[in-house]
Amino acid sequence: MSKVLVVEDQRSQREMIKDLLQKIGLTVNEATDGVEALEQILKSCPDLVVLDIVMPRMNGYEVCRRLKADPKTQNVPVVMCSSKGEEFDRYWGMKQGADAYIAKPFQPTELLGTVKQLLRGER
């Protein structure tokens, strides 16, 4: 069973994403900011990370950069999921190494389809 780390500072968003992912049979861990996310990833590397951008202590761009720069985690797919929905935000997220970028609010099918595709190794 695949493990996904959901990194989101807003509890309602985190719970909603967690519930969606658990319904398709994924194991979900949670982090509330970028620092906590990196600590969890070092302990137990997930198969995929769903990552918010605007968070306290460390933003999602920095988390993504660090994951993609580390040989142990560089192949972990990252789905940025953010209310920053402008074209530049999407461009910048992909430039940091994100494998996909989903703007909030999103359709559950969009998130689930993207996660399934990345877990199958399709990029």
PDB file of N, CA and C in Angstrom:
ATOM      1  N   MET A   1       0.839  -1.181   0.000  1.00  0.00           N
ATOM      2  CA  MET A   1       0.000   0.000   0.000  1.00  0.00           C
ATOM      3  C   MET A   1       0.885   1.246   0.000  1.00  0.00           C
ATOM      4  N   SER A   2       0.571   2.197  -0.843  1.00  0.00           N
ATOM      5  CA  SER A   2       1.388   3.410  -0.963  1.00  0.00           C
ATOM      6  C   SER A   2       1.150   4.363   0.205  1.00  0.00           C
ATOM      7  N   LYS A   3       2.242   5.041   0.592  1.00  0.00           N
ATOM      8  CA  LYS A   3       2.181   6.030   1.673  1.00  0.00           C
ATOM      9  C   LYS A   3       2.269   7.434   1.077  1.00  0.00           C
ATOM     10  N   VAL A   4       1.357   8.292   1.523  1.00  0.00           N
ATOM     11  CA  VAL A   4       1.338   9.674   1.066  1.00  0.00           C
ATOM     12  C   VAL A   4       1.472  10.590   2.276  1.00  0.00           C
ATOM     13  N   LEU A   5       2.282  11.628   2.142  1.00  0.00           N
ATOM     14  CA  LEU A   5       2.389  12.652   3.180  1.00  0.00           C
ATOM     15  C   LEU A   5       1.640  13.886   2.698  1.00  0.00           C
ATOM     16  N   VAL A   6       0.649  14.312   3.485  1.00  0.00           N
ATOM     17  CA  VAL A   6      -0.110  15.524   3.181  1.00  0.00           C
ATOM     18  C   VAL A   6       0.440  16.642   4.062  1.00  0.00           C
ATOM     19  N   VAL A   7       0.962  17.694   3.420  1.00  0.00           N
ATOM     20  CA  VAL A   7       1.555  18.821   4.138  1.00  0.00           C
ATOM     21  C   VAL A   7       0.660  20.036   3.906  1.00  0.00           C
ATOM     22  N   GLU A   8      -0.076  20.415   4.939  1.00  0.00           N
ATOM     23  CA  GLU A   8      -1.075  21.480   4.820  1.00  0.00           C
ATOM     24  C   GLU A   8      -1.295  22.077   6.198  1.00  0.00           C
ATOM     25  N   ASP A   9      -1.210  23.414   6.299  1.00  0.00           N
ATOM     26  CA  ASP A   9      -1.356  24.045   7.608  1.00  0.00           C
ATOM     27  C   ASP A   9      -2.812  24.234   8.030  1.00  0.00           C
ATOM     28  N   GLN A  10      -3.748  24.248   7.098  1.00  0.00           N
ATOM     29  CA  GLN A  10      -5.156  24.399   7.452  1.00  0.00           C
ATOM     30  C   GLN A  10      -5.762  23.022   7.727  1.00  0.00           C
ATOM     31  N   ARG A  11      -6.239  22.860   8.936  1.00  0.00           N
ATOM     32  CA  ARG A  11      -6.727  21.544   9.358  1.00  0.00           C
ATOM     33  C   ARG A  11      -7.850  21.015   8.463  1.00  0.00           C
ATOM     34  N   SER A  12      -8.816  21.861   8.110  1.00  0.00           N
ATOM     35  CA  SER A  12      -9.950  21.392   7.301  1.00  0.00           C
ATOM     36  C   SER A  12      -9.484  20.884   5.937  1.00  0.00           C
ATOM     37  N   GLN A  13      -8.550  21.597   5.322  1.00  0.00           N
ATOM     38  CA  GLN A  13      -8.003  21.162   4.026  1.00  0.00           C
ATOM     39  C   GLN A  13      -7.240  19.842   4.175  1.00  0.00           C
ATOM     40  N   ARG A  14      -6.429  19.762   5.226  1.00  0.00           N
ATOM     41  CA  ARG A  14      -5.620  18.566   5.470  1.00  0.00           C
ATOM     42  C   ARG A  14      -6.523  17.344   5.670  1.00  0.00           C
ATOM     43  N   GLU A  15      -7.572  17.512   6.471  1.00  0.00           N
ATOM     44  CA  GLU A  15      -8.502  16.408   6.736  1.00  0.00           C
ATOM     45  C   GLU A  15      -9.227  15.974   5.466  1.00  0.00           C
ATOM     46  N   MET A  16      -9.645  16.948   4.659  1.00  0.00           N
ATOM     47  CA  MET A  16     -10.369  16.642   3.425  1.00  0.00           C
ATOM     48  C   MET A  16      -9.478  15.860   2.458  1.00  0.00           C
ATOM     49  N   ILE A  17      -8.246  16.312   2.278  1.00  0.00           N
ATOM     50  CA  ILE A  17      -7.313  15.626   1.379  1.00  0.00           C
ATOM     51  C   ILE A  17      -6.998  14.231   1.921  1.00  0.00           C
ATOM     52  N   LYS A  18      -6.784  14.135   3.233  1.00  0.00           N
ATOM     53  CA  LYS A  18      -6.505  12.840   3.864  1.00  0.00           C
ATOM     54  C   LYS A  18      -7.658  11.863   3.619  1.00  0.00           C
ATOM     55  N   ASP A  19      -8.885  12.322   3.835  1.00  0.00           N
ATOM     56  CA  ASP A  19     -10.051  11.457   3.636  1.00  0.00           C
ATOM     57  C   ASP A  19     -10.154  10.969   2.198  1.00  0.00           C
ATOM     58  N   LEU A  20      -9.945  11.875   1.240  1.00  0.00           N
ATOM     59  CA  LEU A  20      -9.998  11.498  -0.181  1.00  0.00           C
ATOM     60  C   LEU A  20      -8.984  10.401  -0.493  1.00  0.00           C
ATOM     61  N   LEU A  21      -7.766  10.574  -0.006  1.00  0.00           N
ATOM     62  CA  LEU A  21      -6.694   9.630  -0.305  1.00  0.00           C
ATOM     63  C   LEU A  21      -6.904   8.281   0.396  1.00  0.00           C
ATOM     64  N   GLN A  22      -7.425   8.323   1.615  1.00  0.00           N
ATOM     65  CA  GLN A  22      -7.676   7.076   2.335  1.00  0.00           C
ATOM     66  C   GLN A  22      -8.788   6.271   1.663  1.00  0.00           C
ATOM     67  N   LYS A  23      -9.750   6.956   1.058  1.00  0.00           N
ATOM     68  CA  LYS A  23     -10.859   6.269   0.398  1.00  0.00           C
ATOM     69  C   LYS A  23     -10.397   5.445  -0.803  1.00  0.00           C
ATOM     70  N   ILE A  24      -9.236   5.798  -1.377  1.00  0.00           N
ATOM     71  CA  ILE A  24      -8.730   4.999  -2.500  1.00  0.00           C
ATOM     72  C   ILE A  24      -7.638   4.025  -2.029  1.00  0.00           C
ATOM     73  N   GLY A  25      -7.560   3.829  -0.698  1.00  0.00           N
ATOM     74  CA  GLY A  25      -6.694   2.794  -0.161  1.00  0.00           C
ATOM     75  C   GLY A  25      -5.266   3.197   0.157  1.00  0.00           C
ATOM     76  N   LEU A  26      -5.000   4.495   0.245  1.00  0.00           N
ATOM     77  CA  LEU A  26      -3.643   4.939   0.544  1.00  0.00           C
ATOM     78  C   LEU A  26      -3.459   5.143   2.046  1.00  0.00           C
ATOM     79  N   THR A  27      -2.254   4.928   2.526  1.00  0.00           N
ATOM     80  CA  THR A  27      -1.893   5.253   3.902  1.00  0.00           C
ATOM     81  C   THR A  27      -1.470   6.715   3.905  1.00  0.00           C
ATOM     82  N   VAL A  28      -2.034   7.515   4.804  1.00  0.00           N
ATOM     83  CA  VAL A  28      -1.775   8.950   4.799  1.00  0.00           C
ATOM     84  C   VAL A  28      -1.187   9.402   6.128  1.00  0.00           C
ATOM     85  N   ASN A  29      -0.060  10.091   6.053  1.00  0.00           N
ATOM     86  CA  ASN A  29       0.523  10.780   7.203  1.00  0.00           C
ATOM     87  C   ASN A  29       0.337  12.275   6.969  1.00  0.00           C
ATOM     88  N   GLU A  30       0.413  13.046   8.052  1.00  0.00           N
ATOM     89  CA  GLU A  30       0.158  14.477   7.943  1.00  0.00           C
ATOM     90  C   GLU A  30       1.290  15.285   8.558  1.00  0.00           C
ATOM     91  N   ALA A  31       1.489  16.477   7.999  1.00  0.00           N
ATOM     92  CA  ALA A  31       2.404  17.461   8.572  1.00  0.00           C
ATOM     93  C   ALA A  31       1.738  18.827   8.430  1.00  0.00           C
ATOM     94  N   THR A  32       1.996  19.712   9.398  1.00  0.00           N
ATOM     95  CA  THR A  32       1.326  21.016   9.387  1.00  0.00           C
ATOM     96  C   THR A  32       2.187  22.150   8.840  1.00  0.00           C
ATOM     97  N   ASP A  33       3.460  21.874   8.587  1.00  0.00           N
ATOM     98  CA  ASP A  33       4.326  22.886   7.976  1.00  0.00           C
ATOM     99  C   ASP A  33       5.534  22.203   7.337  1.00  0.00           C
ATOM    100  N   GLY A  34       6.350  23.000   6.678  1.00  0.00           N
ATOM    101  CA  GLY A  34       7.473  22.452   5.935  1.00  0.00           C
ATOM    102  C   GLY A  34       8.541  21.803   6.794  1.00  0.00           C
ATOM    103  N   VAL A  35       8.803  22.369   7.961  1.00  0.00           N
ATOM    104  CA  VAL A  35       9.830  21.813   8.844  1.00  0.00           C
ATOM    105  C   VAL A  35       9.391  20.432   9.326  1.00  0.00           C
ATOM    106  N   GLU A  36       8.145  20.327   9.769  1.00  0.00           N
ATOM    107  CA  GLU A  36       7.607  19.040  10.214  1.00  0.00           C
ATOM    108  C   GLU A  36       7.613  18.034   9.062  1.00  0.00           C
ATOM    109  N   ALA A  37       7.298  18.492   7.865  1.00  0.00           N
ATOM    110  CA  ALA A  37       7.288  17.606   6.699  1.00  0.00           C
ATOM    111  C   ALA A  37       8.667  17.009   6.456  1.00  0.00           C
ATOM    112  N   LEU A  38       9.699  17.832   6.454  1.00  0.00           N
ATOM    113  CA  LEU A  38      11.054  17.325   6.212  1.00  0.00           C
ATOM    114  C   LEU A  38      11.475  16.336   7.296  1.00  0.00           C
ATOM    115  N   GLU A  39      11.103  16.612   8.557  1.00  0.00           N
ATOM    116  CA  GLU A  39      11.434  15.695   9.649  1.00  0.00           C
ATOM    117  C   GLU A  39      10.774  14.331   9.413  1.00  0.00           C
ATOM    118  N   GLN A  40       9.491  14.356   9.026  1.00  0.00           N
ATOM    119  CA  GLN A  40       8.779  13.088   8.789  1.00  0.00           C
ATOM    120  C   GLN A  40       9.364  12.331   7.598  1.00  0.00           C
ATOM    121  N   ILE A  41       9.706  13.060   6.556  1.00  0.00           N
ATOM    122  CA  ILE A  41      10.238  12.424   5.344  1.00  0.00           C
ATOM    123  C   ILE A  41      11.570  11.745   5.641  1.00  0.00           C
ATOM    124  N   LEU A  42      12.394  12.356   6.482  1.00  0.00           N
ATOM    125  CA  LEU A  42      13.677  11.748   6.844  1.00  0.00           C
ATOM    126  C   LEU A  42      13.474  10.462   7.641  1.00  0.00           C
ATOM    127  N   LYS A  43      12.445  10.423   8.499  1.00  0.00           N
ATOM    128  CA  LYS A  43      12.159   9.227   9.308  1.00  0.00           C
ATOM    129  C   LYS A  43      11.589   8.097   8.457  1.00  0.00           C
ATOM    130  N   SER A  44      10.639   8.447   7.598  1.00  0.00           N
ATOM    131  CA  SER A  44       9.934   7.439   6.811  1.00  0.00           C
ATOM    132  C   SER A  44       9.547   8.041   5.471  1.00  0.00           C
ATOM    133  N   CYS A  45      10.321   7.714   4.456  1.00  0.00           N
ATOM    134  CA  CYS A  45      10.121   8.334   3.151  1.00  0.00           C
ATOM    135  C   CYS A  45       8.784   7.889   2.528  1.00  0.00           C
ATOM    136  N   PRO A  46       7.914   8.849   2.206  1.00  0.00           N
ATOM    137  CA  PRO A  46       6.639   8.493   1.583  1.00  0.00           C
ATOM    138  C   PRO A  46       6.813   8.173   0.103  1.00  0.00           C
ATOM    139  N   ASP A  47       5.757   7.620  -0.489  1.00  0.00           N
ATOM    140  CA  ASP A  47       5.771   7.341  -1.928  1.00  0.00           C
ATOM    141  C   ASP A  47       5.373   8.570  -2.733  1.00  0.00           C
ATOM    142  N   LEU A  48       4.733   9.546  -2.064  1.00  0.00           N
ATOM    143  CA  LEU A  48       4.286  10.770  -2.734  1.00  0.00           C
ATOM    144  C   LEU A  48       4.014  11.814  -1.669  1.00  0.00           C
ATOM    145  N   VAL A  49       4.200  13.102  -2.021  1.00  0.00           N
ATOM    146  CA  VAL A  49       3.922  14.210  -1.101  1.00  0.00           C
ATOM    147  C   VAL A  49       2.922  15.152  -1.759  1.00  0.00           C
ATOM    148  N   VAL A  50       1.840  15.461  -1.026  1.00  0.00           N
ATOM    149  CA  VAL A  50       0.901  16.508  -1.429  1.00  0.00           C
ATOM    150  C   VAL A  50       1.275  17.716  -0.581  1.00  0.00           C
ATOM    151  N   LEU A  51       1.663  18.815  -1.236  1.00  0.00           N
ATOM    152  CA  LEU A  51       2.352  19.904  -0.559  1.00  0.00           C
ATOM    153  C   LEU A  51       1.685  21.249  -0.801  1.00  0.00           C
ATOM    154  N   ASP A  52       1.262  21.894   0.288  1.00  0.00           N
ATOM    155  CA  ASP A  52       0.773  23.266   0.215  1.00  0.00           C
ATOM    156  C   ASP A  52       1.978  24.188   0.029  1.00  0.00           C
ATOM    157  N   ILE A  53       1.750  25.418  -0.408  1.00  0.00           N
ATOM    158  CA  ILE A  53       2.859  26.362  -0.582  1.00  0.00           C
ATOM    159  C   ILE A  53       2.958  27.333   0.582  1.00  0.00           C
ATOM    160  N   VAL A  54       1.856  27.992   0.915  1.00  0.00           N
ATOM    161  CA  VAL A  54       1.878  29.025   1.948  1.00  0.00           C
ATOM    162  C   VAL A  54       1.666  28.374   3.316  1.00  0.00           C
ATOM    163  N   MET A  55       2.785  28.265   4.071  1.00  0.00           N
ATOM    164  CA  MET A  55       2.751  27.626   5.388  1.00  0.00           C
ATOM    165  C   MET A  55       3.729  28.337   6.315  1.00  0.00           C
ATOM    166  N   PRO A  56       3.517  28.194   7.634  1.00  0.00           N
ATOM    167  CA  PRO A  56       4.478  28.781   8.573  1.00  0.00           C
ATOM    168  C   PRO A  56       5.799  28.011   8.576  1.00  0.00           C
ATOM    169  N   ARG A  57       6.821  28.656   9.071  1.00  0.00           N
ATOM    170  CA  ARG A  57       8.178  28.119   9.266  1.00  0.00           C
ATOM    171  C   ARG A  57       8.946  27.815   7.993  1.00  0.00           C
ATOM    172  N   MET A  58       8.343  27.146   7.014  1.00  0.00           N
ATOM    173  CA  MET A  58       9.014  26.883   5.737  1.00  0.00           C
ATOM    174  C   MET A  58       7.946  26.654   4.679  1.00  0.00           C
ATOM    175  N   ASN A  59       8.054  27.405   3.580  1.00  0.00           N
ATOM    176  CA  ASN A  59       7.017  27.269   2.546  1.00  0.00           C
ATOM    177  C   ASN A  59       7.244  26.027   1.670  1.00  0.00           C
ATOM    178  N   GLY A  60       6.220  25.698   0.899  1.00  0.00           N
ATOM    179  CA  GLY A  60       6.259  24.505   0.067  1.00  0.00           C
ATOM    180  C   GLY A  60       7.319  24.543  -1.017  1.00  0.00           C
ATOM    181  N   TYR A  61       7.615  25.730  -1.533  1.00  0.00           N
ATOM    182  CA  TYR A  61       8.664  25.838  -2.552  1.00  0.00           C
ATOM    183  C   TYR A  61       9.996  25.342  -1.989  1.00  0.00           C
ATOM    184  N   GLU A  62      10.312  25.788  -0.764  1.00  0.00           N
ATOM    185  CA  GLU A  62      11.581  25.398  -0.129  1.00  0.00           C
ATOM    186  C   GLU A  62      11.600  23.901   0.179  1.00  0.00           C
ATOM    187  N   VAL A  63      10.487  23.366   0.664  1.00  0.00           N
ATOM    188  CA  VAL A  63      10.404  21.929   0.939  1.00  0.00           C
ATOM    189  C   VAL A  63      10.665  21.140  -0.343  1.00  0.00           C
ATOM    190  N   CYS A  64      10.019  21.546  -1.422  1.00  0.00           N
ATOM    191  CA  CYS A  64      10.174  20.850  -2.696  1.00  0.00           C
ATOM    192  C   CYS A  64      11.620  20.913  -3.179  1.00  0.00           C
ATOM    193  N   ARG A  65      12.223  22.086  -3.095  1.00  0.00           N
ATOM    194  CA  ARG A  65      13.631  22.235  -3.506  1.00  0.00           C
ATOM    195  C   ARG A  65      14.520  21.280  -2.726  1.00  0.00           C
ATOM    196  N   ARG A  66      14.308  21.209  -1.414  1.00  0.00           N
ATOM    197  CA  ARG A  66      15.149  20.345  -0.572  1.00  0.00           C
ATOM    198  C   ARG A  66      14.932  18.867  -0.896  1.00  0.00           C
ATOM    199  N   LEU A  67      13.690  18.474  -1.119  1.00  0.00           N
ATOM    200  CA  LEU A  67      13.413  17.077  -1.474  1.00  0.00           C
ATOM    201  C   LEU A  67      14.102  16.700  -2.779  1.00  0.00           C
ATOM    202  N   LYS A  68      13.986  17.560  -3.768  1.00  0.00           N
ATOM    203  CA  LYS A  68      14.531  17.249  -5.091  1.00  0.00           C
ATOM    204  C   LYS A  68      16.053  17.352  -5.132  1.00  0.00           C
ATOM    205  N   ALA A  69      16.655  18.048  -4.150  1.00  0.00           N
ATOM    206  CA  ALA A  69      18.115  18.169  -4.105  1.00  0.00           C
ATOM    207  C   ALA A  69      18.768  16.996  -3.369  1.00  0.00           C
ATOM    208  N   ASP A  70      17.989  16.242  -2.605  1.00  0.00           N
ATOM    209  CA  ASP A  70      18.524  15.141  -1.809  1.00  0.00           C
ATOM    210  C   ASP A  70      18.407  13.833  -2.609  1.00  0.00           C
ATOM    211  N   PRO A  71      19.521  13.142  -2.841  1.00  0.00           N
ATOM    212  CA  PRO A  71      19.476  11.892  -3.616  1.00  0.00           C
ATOM    213  C   PRO A  71      18.515  10.847  -3.031  1.00  0.00           C
ATOM    214  N   LYS A  72      18.300  10.863  -1.700  1.00  0.00           N
ATOM    215  CA  LYS A  72      17.410   9.880  -1.077  1.00  0.00           C
ATOM    216  C   LYS A  72      15.933  10.161  -1.376  1.00  0.00           C
ATOM    217  N   THR A  73      15.599  11.420  -1.674  1.00  0.00           N
ATOM    218  CA  THR A  73      14.188  11.782  -1.862  1.00  0.00           C
ATOM    219  C   THR A  73      13.892  12.418  -3.220  1.00  0.00           C
ATOM    220  N   GLN A  74      14.888  12.536  -4.069  1.00  0.00           N
ATOM    221  CA  GLN A  74      14.694  13.268  -5.331  1.00  0.00           C
ATOM    222  C   GLN A  74      13.671  12.627  -6.259  1.00  0.00           C
ATOM    223  N   ASN A  75      13.422  11.319  -6.095  1.00  0.00           N
ATOM    224  CA  ASN A  75      12.463  10.648  -6.972  1.00  0.00           C
ATOM    225  C   ASN A  75      11.063  10.536  -6.379  1.00  0.00           C
ATOM    226  N   VAL A  76      10.853  11.114  -5.194  1.00  0.00           N
ATOM    227  CA  VAL A  76       9.528  11.108  -4.584  1.00  0.00           C
ATOM    228  C   VAL A  76       8.679  12.149  -5.308  1.00  0.00           C
ATOM    229  N   PRO A  77       7.552  11.740  -5.911  1.00  0.00           N
ATOM    230  CA  PRO A  77       6.707  12.712  -6.611  1.00  0.00           C
ATOM    231  C   PRO A  77       6.106  13.727  -5.643  1.00  0.00           C
ATOM    232  N   VAL A  78       6.056  14.979  -6.092  1.00  0.00           N
ATOM    233  CA  VAL A  78       5.490  16.067  -5.294  1.00  0.00           C
ATOM    234  C   VAL A  78       4.334  16.691  -6.071  1.00  0.00           C
ATOM    235  N   VAL A  79       3.165  16.736  -5.427  1.00  0.00           N
ATOM    236  CA  VAL A  79       2.008  17.425  -5.987  1.00  0.00           C
ATOM    237  C   VAL A  79       1.818  18.696  -5.169  1.00  0.00           C
ATOM    238  N   MET A  80       2.080  19.842  -5.770  1.00  0.00           N
ATOM    239  CA  MET A  80       1.804  21.091  -5.077  1.00  0.00           C
ATOM    240  C   MET A  80       0.316  21.371  -5.204  1.00  0.00           C
ATOM    241  N   CYS A  81      -0.282  21.716  -4.076  1.00  0.00           N
ATOM    242  CA  CYS A  81      -1.717  21.942  -4.019  1.00  0.00           C
ATOM    243  C   CYS A  81      -1.916  23.257  -3.271  1.00  0.00           C
ATOM    244  N   SER A  82      -2.211  24.334  -4.000  1.00  0.00           N
ATOM    245  CA  SER A  82      -2.177  25.651  -3.384  1.00  0.00           C
ATOM    246  C   SER A  82      -3.271  26.573  -3.889  1.00  0.00           C
ATOM    247  N   SER A  83      -3.628  27.526  -3.040  1.00  0.00           N
ATOM    248  CA  SER A  83      -4.576  28.564  -3.454  1.00  0.00           C
ATOM    249  C   SER A  83      -3.894  29.576  -4.372  1.00  0.00           C
ATOM    250  N   LYS A  84      -2.578  29.503  -4.489  1.00  0.00           N
ATOM    251  CA  LYS A  84      -1.845  30.374  -5.413  1.00  0.00           C
ATOM    252  C   LYS A  84      -2.024  29.794  -6.824  1.00  0.00           C
ATOM    253  N   GLY A  85      -3.035  30.285  -7.525  1.00  0.00           N
ATOM    254  CA  GLY A  85      -3.422  29.663  -8.775  1.00  0.00           C
ATOM    255  C   GLY A  85      -3.030  30.400 -10.044  1.00  0.00           C
ATOM    256  N   GLU A  86      -2.224  31.442  -9.923  1.00  0.00           N
ATOM    257  CA  GLU A  86      -1.801  32.182 -11.116  1.00  0.00           C
ATOM    258  C   GLU A  86      -0.798  31.357 -11.924  1.00  0.00           C
ATOM    259  N   GLU A  87      -0.702  31.666 -13.193  1.00  0.00           N
ATOM    260  CA  GLU A  87       0.206  30.933 -14.075  1.00  0.00           C
ATOM    261  C   GLU A  87       1.648  30.989 -13.567  1.00  0.00           C
ATOM    262  N   PHE A  88       2.065  32.159 -13.020  1.00  0.00           N
ATOM    263  CA  PHE A  88       3.432  32.275 -12.500  1.00  0.00           C
ATOM    264  C   PHE A  88       3.645  31.323 -11.322  1.00  0.00           C
ATOM    265  N   ASP A  89       2.634  31.190 -10.459  1.00  0.00           N
ATOM    266  CA  ASP A  89       2.754  30.290  -9.302  1.00  0.00           C
ATOM    267  C   ASP A  89       2.964  28.859  -9.771  1.00  0.00           C
ATOM    268  N   ARG A  90       2.183  28.458 -10.761  1.00  0.00           N
ATOM    269  CA  ARG A  90       2.309  27.117 -11.329  1.00  0.00           C
ATOM    270  C   ARG A  90       3.713  26.935 -11.931  1.00  0.00           C
ATOM    271  N   TYR A  91       4.160  27.923 -12.702  1.00  0.00           N
ATOM    272  CA  TYR A  91       5.487  27.883 -13.312  1.00  0.00           C
ATOM    273  C   TYR A  91       6.568  27.743 -12.232  1.00  0.00           C
ATOM    274  N   TRP A  92       6.463  28.567 -11.187  1.00  0.00           N
ATOM    275  CA  TRP A  92       7.480  28.575 -10.141  1.00  0.00           C
ATOM    276  C   TRP A  92       7.488  27.251  -9.379  1.00  0.00           C
ATOM    277  N   GLY A  93       6.305  26.690  -9.127  1.00  0.00           N
ATOM    278  CA  GLY A  93       6.214  25.392  -8.454  1.00  0.00           C
ATOM    279  C   GLY A  93       6.896  24.297  -9.254  1.00  0.00           C
ATOM    280  N   MET A  94       6.638  24.282 -10.547  1.00  0.00           N
ATOM    281  CA  MET A  94       7.259  23.269 -11.409  1.00  0.00           C
ATOM    282  C   MET A  94       8.767  23.503 -11.494  1.00  0.00           C
ATOM    283  N   LYS A  95       9.177  24.759 -11.481  1.00  0.00           N
ATOM    284  CA  LYS A  95      10.599  25.103 -11.527  1.00  0.00           C
ATOM    285  C   LYS A  95      11.333  24.592 -10.281  1.00  0.00           C
ATOM    286  N   GLN A  96      10.621  24.489  -9.149  1.00  0.00           N
ATOM    287  CA  GLN A  96      11.230  23.989  -7.907  1.00  0.00           C
ATOM    288  C   GLN A  96      11.325  22.466  -7.900  1.00  0.00           C
ATOM    289  N   GLY A  97      10.707  21.831  -8.899  1.00  0.00           N
ATOM    290  CA  GLY A  97      10.806  20.379  -9.001  1.00  0.00           C
ATOM    291  C   GLY A  97       9.498  19.638  -8.811  1.00  0.00           C
ATOM    292  N   ALA A  98       8.396  20.368  -8.609  1.00  0.00           N
ATOM    293  CA  ALA A  98       7.110  19.694  -8.432  1.00  0.00           C
ATOM    294  C   ALA A  98       6.781  18.864  -9.668  1.00  0.00           C
ATOM    295  N   ASP A  99       6.131  17.729  -9.442  1.00  0.00           N
ATOM    296  CA  ASP A  99       5.731  16.857 -10.543  1.00  0.00           C
ATOM    297  C   ASP A  99       4.348  17.211 -11.065  1.00  0.00           C
ATOM    298  N   ALA A 100       3.561  17.894 -10.225  1.00  0.00           N
ATOM    299  CA  ALA A 100       2.226  18.349 -10.624  1.00  0.00           C
ATOM    300  C   ALA A 100       1.856  19.540  -9.760  1.00  0.00           C
ATOM    301  N   TYR A 101       0.925  20.349 -10.270  1.00  0.00           N
ATOM    302  CA  TYR A 101       0.485  21.554  -9.545  1.00  0.00           C
ATOM    303  C   TYR A 101      -1.026  21.643  -9.684  1.00  0.00           C
ATOM    304  N   ILE A 102      -1.707  21.647  -8.557  1.00  0.00           N
ATOM    305  CA  ILE A 102      -3.163  21.740  -8.553  1.00  0.00           C
ATOM    306  C   ILE A 102      -3.566  22.976  -7.768  1.00  0.00           C
ATOM    307  N   ALA A 103      -4.390  23.826  -8.384  1.00  0.00           N
ATOM    308  CA  ALA A 103      -4.847  25.044  -7.711  1.00  0.00           C
ATOM    309  C   ALA A 103      -6.107  24.754  -6.905  1.00  0.00           C
ATOM    310  N   LYS A 104      -6.166  25.331  -5.697  1.00  0.00           N
ATOM    311  CA  LYS A 104      -7.366  25.239  -4.862  1.00  0.00           C
ATOM    312  C   LYS A 104      -8.315  26.368  -5.267  1.00  0.00           C
ATOM    313  N   PRO A 105      -9.596  26.164  -5.183  1.00  0.00           N
ATOM    314  CA  PRO A 105     -10.255  24.901  -4.877  1.00  0.00           C
ATOM    315  C   PRO A 105     -10.134  23.955  -6.073  1.00  0.00           C
ATOM    316  N   PHE A 106     -10.052  22.676  -5.790  1.00  0.00           N
ATOM    317  CA  PHE A 106      -9.885  21.675  -6.843  1.00  0.00           C
ATOM    318  C   PHE A 106     -11.028  20.675  -6.787  1.00  0.00           C
ATOM    319  N   GLN A 107     -11.209  19.966  -7.876  1.00  0.00           N
ATOM    320  CA  GLN A 107     -12.175  18.869  -7.911  1.00  0.00           C
ATOM    321  C   GLN A 107     -11.480  17.625  -7.340  1.00  0.00           C
ATOM    322  N   PRO A 108     -12.151  16.878  -6.467  1.00  0.00           N
ATOM    323  CA  PRO A 108     -11.530  15.664  -5.919  1.00  0.00           C
ATOM    324  C   PRO A 108     -10.990  14.734  -7.000  1.00  0.00           C
ATOM    325  N   THR A 109     -11.691  14.627  -8.122  1.00  0.00           N
ATOM    326  CA  THR A 109     -11.230  13.731  -9.195  1.00  0.00           C
ATOM    327  C   THR A 109      -9.898  14.202  -9.773  1.00  0.00           C
ATOM    328  N   GLU A 110      -9.671  15.519  -9.786  1.00  0.00           N
ATOM    329  CA  GLU A 110      -8.402  16.045 -10.296  1.00  0.00           C
ATOM    330  C   GLU A 110      -7.245  15.616  -9.395  1.00  0.00           C
ATOM    331  N   LEU A 111      -7.420  15.779  -8.082  1.00  0.00           N
ATOM    332  CA  LEU A 111      -6.367  15.385  -7.145  1.00  0.00           C
ATOM    333  C   LEU A 111      -6.140  13.876  -7.198  1.00  0.00           C
ATOM    334  N   LEU A 112      -7.207  13.098  -7.122  1.00  0.00           N
ATOM    335  CA  LEU A 112      -7.070  11.644  -7.106  1.00  0.00           C
ATOM    336  C   LEU A 112      -6.455  11.117  -8.394  1.00  0.00           C
ATOM    337  N   GLY A 113      -6.864  11.661  -9.530  1.00  0.00           N
ATOM    338  CA  GLY A 113      -6.300  11.241 -10.811  1.00  0.00           C
ATOM    339  C   GLY A 113      -4.814  11.534 -10.888  1.00  0.00           C
ATOM    340  N   THR A 114      -4.418  12.715 -10.417  1.00  0.00           N
ATOM    341  CA  THR A 114      -3.008  13.108 -10.436  1.00  0.00           C
ATOM    342  C   THR A 114      -2.184  12.204  -9.519  1.00  0.00           C
ATOM    343  N   VAL A 115      -2.693  11.948  -8.315  1.00  0.00           N
ATOM    344  CA  VAL A 115      -1.979  11.097  -7.356  1.00  0.00           C
ATOM    345  C   VAL A 115      -1.823   9.676  -7.914  1.00  0.00           C
ATOM    346  N   LYS A 116      -2.893   9.120  -8.446  1.00  0.00           N
ATOM    347  CA  LYS A 116      -2.824   7.755  -9.005  1.00  0.00           C
ATOM    348  C   LYS A 116      -1.813   7.685 -10.151  1.00  0.00           C
ATOM    349  N   GLN A 117      -1.841   8.688 -11.014  1.00  0.00           N
ATOM    350  CA  GLN A 117      -0.933   8.724 -12.160  1.00  0.00           C
ATOM    351  C   GLN A 117       0.533   8.774 -11.686  1.00  0.00           C
ATOM    352  N   LEU A 118       0.826   9.615 -10.714  1.00  0.00           N
ATOM    353  CA  LEU A 118       2.211   9.740 -10.234  1.00  0.00           C
ATOM    354  C   LEU A 118       2.651   8.490  -9.481  1.00  0.00           C
ATOM    355  N   LEU A 119       1.765   7.875  -8.741  1.00  0.00           N
ATOM    356  CA  LEU A 119       2.135   6.642  -8.027  1.00  0.00           C
ATOM    357  C   LEU A 119       2.405   5.488  -8.992  1.00  0.00           C
ATOM    358  N   ARG A 120       1.799   5.537 -10.169  1.00  0.00           N
ATOM    359  CA  ARG A 120       2.068   4.521 -11.197  1.00  0.00           C
ATOM    360  C   ARG A 120       3.363   4.835 -11.945  1.00  0.00           C
ATOM    361  N   GLY A 121       3.957   5.994 -11.660  1.00  0.00           N
ATOM    362  CA  GLY A 121       5.216   6.346 -12.295  1.00  0.00           C
ATOM    363  C   GLY A 121       5.067   7.102 -13.590  1.00  0.00           C
ATOM    364  N   GLU A 122       3.858   7.630 -13.860  1.00  0.00           N
ATOM    365  CA  GLU A 122       3.637   8.416 -15.081  1.00  0.00           C
ATOM    366  C   GLU A 122       3.802   9.886 -14.751  1.00  0.00           C
ATOM    367  N   ARG A 123       4.725  10.537 -15.449  1.00  0.00           N
ATOM    368  CA  ARG A 123       4.947  11.967 -15.169  1.00  0.00           C
ATOM    369  C   ARG A 123       4.804  12.774 -16.424  1.00  0.00           C
TER     370      ARG A 123
END
